[in-house]
C-alpha atoms as a PDB file:
ATOM      1  CA  MET A   1       0.000   0.000   0.000  1.00  0.00           C
ATOM      2  CA  ASP A   2       2.769   2.482   0.886  1.00  0.00           C
ATOM      3  CA  PHE A   3       4.387   1.807  -2.487  1.00  0.00           C
ATOM      4  CA  GLU A   4       1.184   2.764  -4.318  1.00  0.00           C
ATOM      5  CA  ILE A   5       0.950   5.971  -2.266  1.00  0.00           C
ATOM      6  CA  PHE A   6       4.606   6.671  -3.101  1.00  0.00           C
ATOM      7  CA  LYS A   7       3.894   6.215  -6.831  1.00  0.00           C
ATOM      8  CA  LYS A   8       0.999   8.662  -6.706  1.00  0.00           C
ATOM      9  CA  GLU A   9       3.047  11.241  -4.788  1.00  0.00           C
ATOM     10  CA  PHE A  10       5.988  10.876  -7.164  1.00  0.00           C
ATOM     11  CA  ILE A  11       3.817  11.128 -10.276  1.00  0.00           C
ATOM     12  CA  ASP A  12       2.120  14.237  -8.850  1.00  0.00           C
ATOM     13  CA  ILE A  13       5.518  15.904  -8.340  1.00  0.00           C
ATOM     14  CA  CYS A  14       6.606  15.045 -11.894  1.00  0.00           C
ATOM     15  CA  ALA A  15       3.324  16.425 -13.251  1.00  0.00           C
ATOM     16  CA  ALA A  16       3.745  19.662 -11.278  1.00  0.00           C
ATOM     17  CA  TRP A  17       7.240  20.086 -12.736  1.00  0.00           C
ATOM     18  CA  ARG A  18       6.025  19.045 -16.216  1.00  0.00           C
ATOM     19  CA  ILE A  19       8.808  16.532 -16.636  1.00  0.00           C
ATOM     20  CA  PRO A  20       8.688  12.895 -17.782  1.00  0.00           C
ATOM     21  CA  ILE A  21       7.455  10.277 -15.376  1.00  0.00           C
ATOM     22  CA  PRO A  22       9.975   7.451 -15.147  1.00  0.00           C
ATOM     23  CA  HIS A  23       9.052   3.801 -14.874  1.00  0.00           C
ATOM     24  CA  ILE A  24       8.522   3.248 -11.143  1.00  0.00           C
ATOM     25  CA  HIS A  25       9.324  -0.157  -9.690  1.00  0.00           C
ATOM     26  CA  GLU A  26       9.214  -1.574  -6.204  1.00  0.00           C
ATOM     27  CA  SER A  27      12.800  -2.400  -5.257  1.00  0.00           C
ATOM     28  CA  ALA A  28      13.669  -6.068  -4.881  1.00  0.00           C
ATOM     29  CA  ASP A  29      16.793  -5.393  -2.807  1.00  0.00           C
ATOM     30  CA  PHE A  30      15.329  -2.980  -0.201  1.00  0.00           C
ATOM     31  CA  SER A  31      17.351  -0.087  -1.683  1.00  0.00           C
ATOM     32  CA  ASN A  32      16.587   2.908  -3.873  1.00  0.00           C
ATOM     33  CA  HIS A  33      18.048   3.242  -7.367  1.00  0.00           C
ATOM     34  CA  THR A  34      17.339   6.013  -9.870  1.00  0.00           C
ATOM     35  CA  SER A  35      18.125   6.747 -13.492  1.00  0.00           C
ATOM     36  CA  ALA A  36      16.692   9.143 -16.042  1.00  0.00           C
ATOM     37  CA  THR A  37      14.194   6.509 -17.167  1.00  0.00           C
ATOM     38  CA  ASP A  38      13.555   4.192 -14.197  1.00  0.00           C
ATOM     39  CA  ILE A  39      13.417   4.333 -10.440  1.00  0.00           C
ATOM     40  CA  HIS A  40      13.441   1.368  -8.086  1.00  0.00           C
ATOM     41  CA  VAL A  41      12.246   2.335  -4.649  1.00  0.00           C
ATOM     42  CA  TYR A  42      11.826   0.725  -1.285  1.00  0.00           C
ATOM     43  CA  VAL A  43       9.329   2.320   1.092  1.00  0.00           C
ATOM     44  CA  GLU A  44      10.118   1.529   4.706  1.00  0.00           C
ATOM     45  CA  PRO A  45       6.978   0.654   6.724  1.00  0.00           C
ATOM     46  CA  GLY A  46       5.818   3.722   8.638  1.00  0.00           C
ATOM     47  CA  GLU A  47       8.024   6.054   6.587  1.00  0.00           C
ATOM     48  CA  ASP A  48       6.848   9.561   5.666  1.00  0.00           C
ATOM     49  CA  VAL A  49       5.902   8.623   2.113  1.00  0.00           C
ATOM     50  CA  ALA A  50       5.421  12.190   0.853  1.00  0.00           C
ATOM     51  CA  PHE A  51       8.904  13.191   2.037  1.00  0.00           C
ATOM     52  CA  HIS A  52      10.414   9.989   0.638  1.00  0.00           C
ATOM     53  CA  ALA A  53       8.814  10.699  -2.759  1.00  0.00           C
ATOM     54  CA  ALA A  54      10.247  14.228  -2.727  1.00  0.00           C
ATOM     55  CA  HIS A  55      13.684  12.912  -1.706  1.00  0.00           C
ATOM     56  CA  ILE A  56      13.762  10.298  -4.483  1.00  0.00           C
ATOM     57  CA  PHE A  57      12.502  12.967  -6.880  1.00  0.00           C
ATOM     58  CA  GLY A  58      15.643  14.966  -6.072  1.00  0.00           C
ATOM     59  CA  HIS A  59      17.811  12.032  -7.095  1.00  0.00           C
ATOM     60  CA  TYR A  60      15.720  11.542 -10.231  1.00  0.00           C
ATOM     61  CA  LEU A  61      16.127  15.224 -11.142  1.00  0.00           C
ATOM     62  CA  CYS A  62      19.898  14.858 -10.968  1.00  0.00           C
ATOM     63  CA  ASP A  63      19.760  11.848 -13.283  1.00  0.00           C
ATOM     64  CA  LEU A  64      17.358  13.536 -15.677  1.00  0.00           C
ATOM     65  CA  HIS A  65      19.480  16.700 -15.759  1.00  0.00           C
ATOM     66  CA  GLY A  66      22.584  14.730 -16.644  1.00  0.00           C
ATOM     67  CA  ASP A  67      20.922  12.550 -19.248  1.00  0.00           C
ATOM     68  CA  ASN A  68      18.256  14.613 -21.011  1.00  0.00           C
ATOM     69  CA  GLU A  69      19.253  17.881 -22.708  1.00  0.00           C
ATOM     70  CA  LYS A  70      15.606  18.850 -23.214  1.00  0.00           C
ATOM     71  CA  TYR A  71      15.134  19.285 -19.450  1.00  0.00           C
ATOM     72  CA  GLN A  72      18.590  20.526 -18.349  1.00  0.00           C
ATOM     73  CA  ASP A  73      17.752  24.246 -18.416  1.00  0.00           C
ATOM     74  CA  LYS A  74      14.335  23.739 -16.847  1.00  0.00           C
ATOM     75  CA  ILE A  75      15.896  21.888 -13.915  1.00  0.00           C
ATOM     76  CA  ALA A  76      18.855  24.269 -13.627  1.00  0.00           C
ATOM     77  CA  ASN A  77      16.516  27.287 -13.607  1.00  0.00           C
ATOM     78  CA  ARG A  78      14.440  25.825 -10.784  1.00  0.00           C
ATOM     79  CA  ILE A  79      17.575  25.136  -8.759  1.00  0.00           C
ATOM     80  CA  ALA A  80      18.786  28.675  -9.507  1.00  0.00           C
ATOM     81  CA  ARG A  81      15.569  30.077  -8.039  1.00  0.00           C
ATOM     82  CA  TRP A  82      16.130  28.030  -4.874  1.00  0.00           C
ATOM     83  CA  ALA A  83      19.759  29.151  -4.699  1.00  0.00           C
ATOM     84  CA  THR A  84      18.776  32.823  -4.791  1.00  0.00           C
ATOM     85  CA  GLN A  85      16.344  32.551  -1.876  1.00  0.00           C
ATOM     86  CA  LYS A  86      17.452  34.474   1.178  1.00  0.00           C
ATOM     87  CA  GLU A  87      16.187  31.953   3.710  1.00  0.00           C
ATOM     88  CA  GLU A  88      18.100  28.874   4.735  1.00  0.00           C
ATOM     89  CA  ILE A  89      17.059  25.925   2.606  1.00  0.00           C
ATOM     90  CA  ALA A  90      18.474  23.040   4.637  1.00  0.00           C
END
């Protein structure tokens, strides 16, 4: 059930950013792996699924930025907006 919630959260984030939705798989080795086309994710029981989806999305963005020229500027511009914020991001 948590995996299905994760998928929905992740897809919603991709849709909001208007970027491709990768193939999303439940991880067989209890680890997370991302690429520009696929993610394999393990959702720990009781984990904050929305935060986990956002965290894995960050990894996916890095992969997509490095692998897909069409989205490099879009991703870099969003990061640039974060970098120019005056408040602490961490």
